[in-house]
Amino acid sequence: MQEPFVERNFKIDGQNVECRFYQPVRDGTDFLCRYTINIPGQPRESQGYGVDAIQALLLAMKKAHVEMLVLRDKKGLHFEWLDDVNLGLPIDEAIRDLSPNNSY
């Protein structure tokens, strides 16, 4: 497995959890960017796709952000980054109400 390209550490219910993004790679004519969220007992892995490496990384970040917000709302998990509920990841305007204090 390749090494993470970038990562961010969150606290989920007081435990440190890493969200790792891997170097975008070509997938046919597009790119994909894998990510993992290492939640104890329920690790998550997925990917974002884009027409270039930057779009793939941004979409993977948005997807990971939404996944964490859904876990917060559906499973009642408490997510923090730098002692704040704003996770500091990009989010689409269409769903900004899921994270109203997000400035990214």
Protein backbone atom coordinates (compact mmCIF):
# COMPACT_ATOMS: atom_id res chain seq x y z
CA MET A 1 0.00 0.00 0.00
CA GLN A 2 1.30 3.47 -0.81
CA GLU A 3 2.26 5.98 1.87
CA PRO A 4 -0.16 8.78 2.78
CA PHE A 5 0.28 11.99 0.80
CA VAL A 6 -1.27 14.18 3.53
CA GLU A 7 -3.10 13.48 6.76
CA ARG A 8 -5.05 15.25 9.45
CA ASN A 9 -5.56 14.14 13.04
CA PHE A 10 -9.02 14.50 14.55
CA LYS A 11 -10.48 13.60 17.88
CA ILE A 12 -13.52 11.35 17.78
CA ASP A 13 -15.17 10.93 21.15
CA GLY A 14 -11.84 11.99 22.70
CA GLN A 15 -9.71 9.46 20.75
CA ASN A 16 -7.08 10.48 18.21
CA VAL A 17 -8.06 9.40 14.70
CA GLU A 18 -6.09 9.92 11.49
CA CYS A 19 -7.67 10.77 8.19
CA ARG A 20 -5.14 10.00 5.46
CA PHE A 21 -5.19 10.98 1.82
CA TYR A 22 -3.02 9.14 -0.68
CA GLN A 23 -1.28 10.50 -3.76
CA PRO A 24 -3.80 10.84 -6.60
CA VAL A 25 -3.11 8.35 -9.40
CA ARG A 26 -4.24 8.09 -12.98
CA ASP A 27 -7.27 5.86 -13.51
CA GLY A 28 -7.88 5.62 -17.24
CA THR A 29 -8.36 9.19 -18.45
CA ASP A 30 -9.19 10.47 -14.95
CA PHE A 31 -7.53 10.42 -11.52
CA LEU A 32 -8.49 8.83 -8.23
CA CYS A 33 -7.44 9.74 -4.71
CA ARG A 34 -7.89 7.16 -1.95
CA TYR A 35 -8.48 8.10 1.66
CA THR A 36 -8.84 6.30 4.98
CA ILE A 37 -10.44 7.38 8.25
CA ASN A 38 -9.05 5.18 11.03
CA ILE A 39 -12.04 5.14 13.39
CA PRO A 40 -11.45 2.48 16.06
CA GLY A 41 -13.63 -0.54 15.34
CA GLN A 42 -15.06 0.93 12.14
CA PRO A 43 -12.27 2.08 9.80
CA ARG A 44 -13.43 3.72 6.58
CA GLU A 45 -11.80 3.65 3.16
CA SER A 46 -13.00 5.24 -0.07
CA GLN A 47 -11.82 7.49 -2.91
CA GLY A 48 -12.61 10.61 -4.87
CA TYR A 49 -12.36 10.88 -8.66
CA GLY A 50 -11.50 13.90 -10.78
CA VAL A 51 -10.37 14.99 -14.21
CA ASP A 52 -6.96 15.84 -12.73
CA ALA A 53 -5.04 15.11 -9.52
CA ILE A 54 -6.13 18.32 -7.78
CA GLN A 55 -9.83 17.71 -8.39
CA ALA A 56 -9.47 14.09 -7.23
CA LEU A 57 -7.82 15.24 -3.97
CA LEU A 58 -10.42 17.97 -3.34
CA LEU A 59 -13.31 15.58 -4.00
CA ALA A 60 -11.76 12.95 -1.72
CA MET A 61 -11.48 15.59 1.03
CA LYS A 62 -15.09 16.67 0.52
CA LYS A 63 -16.26 13.06 0.56
CA ALA A 64 -14.32 12.27 3.76
CA HIS A 65 -15.76 15.41 5.37
CA VAL A 66 -19.32 14.40 4.50
CA GLU A 67 -18.68 10.87 5.75
CA MET A 68 -17.54 12.22 9.13
CA LEU A 69 -20.53 14.60 9.35
CA VAL A 70 -22.92 11.73 8.59
CA LEU A 71 -21.26 9.58 11.28
CA ARG A 72 -21.66 12.49 13.68
CA ASP A 73 -25.36 12.84 12.90
CA LYS A 74 -26.29 9.15 12.47
CA LYS A 75 -24.06 7.50 15.08
CA GLY A 76 -23.75 10.39 17.54
CA LEU A 77 -19.95 10.49 17.33
CA HIS A 78 -18.29 13.74 18.43
CA PHE A 79 -15.67 14.94 15.93
CA GLU A 80 -13.16 17.74 16.65
CA TRP A 81 -10.14 19.29 15.01
CA LEU A 82 -8.03 21.72 17.04
CA ASP A 83 -10.65 21.63 19.82
CA ASP A 84 -13.37 22.82 17.42
CA VAL A 85 -16.27 21.07 15.65
CA ASN A 86 -15.20 22.77 12.40
CA LEU A 87 -13.14 19.98 10.77
CA GLY A 88 -11.29 22.33 8.42
CA LEU A 89 -12.03 20.32 5.27
CA PRO A 90 -13.75 21.59 2.11
CA ILE A 91 -17.52 21.10 1.74
CA ASP A 92 -19.92 21.74 -1.15
CA GLU A 93 -22.20 24.77 -0.91
CA ALA A 94 -25.25 22.52 -1.42
CA ILE A 95 -24.68 20.81 1.95
CA ARG A 96 -22.97 23.60 3.90
CA ASP A 97 -25.81 23.51 6.45
CA LEU A 98 -24.34 20.20 7.73
CA SER A 99 -21.32 22.21 8.92
CA PRO A 100 -22.44 25.88 9.10
CA ASN A 101 -19.28 27.18 10.82
CA ASN A 102 -16.95 25.71 8.19
CA SER A 103 -14.94 28.39 6.42
CA TYR A 104 -13.36 26.09 3.80
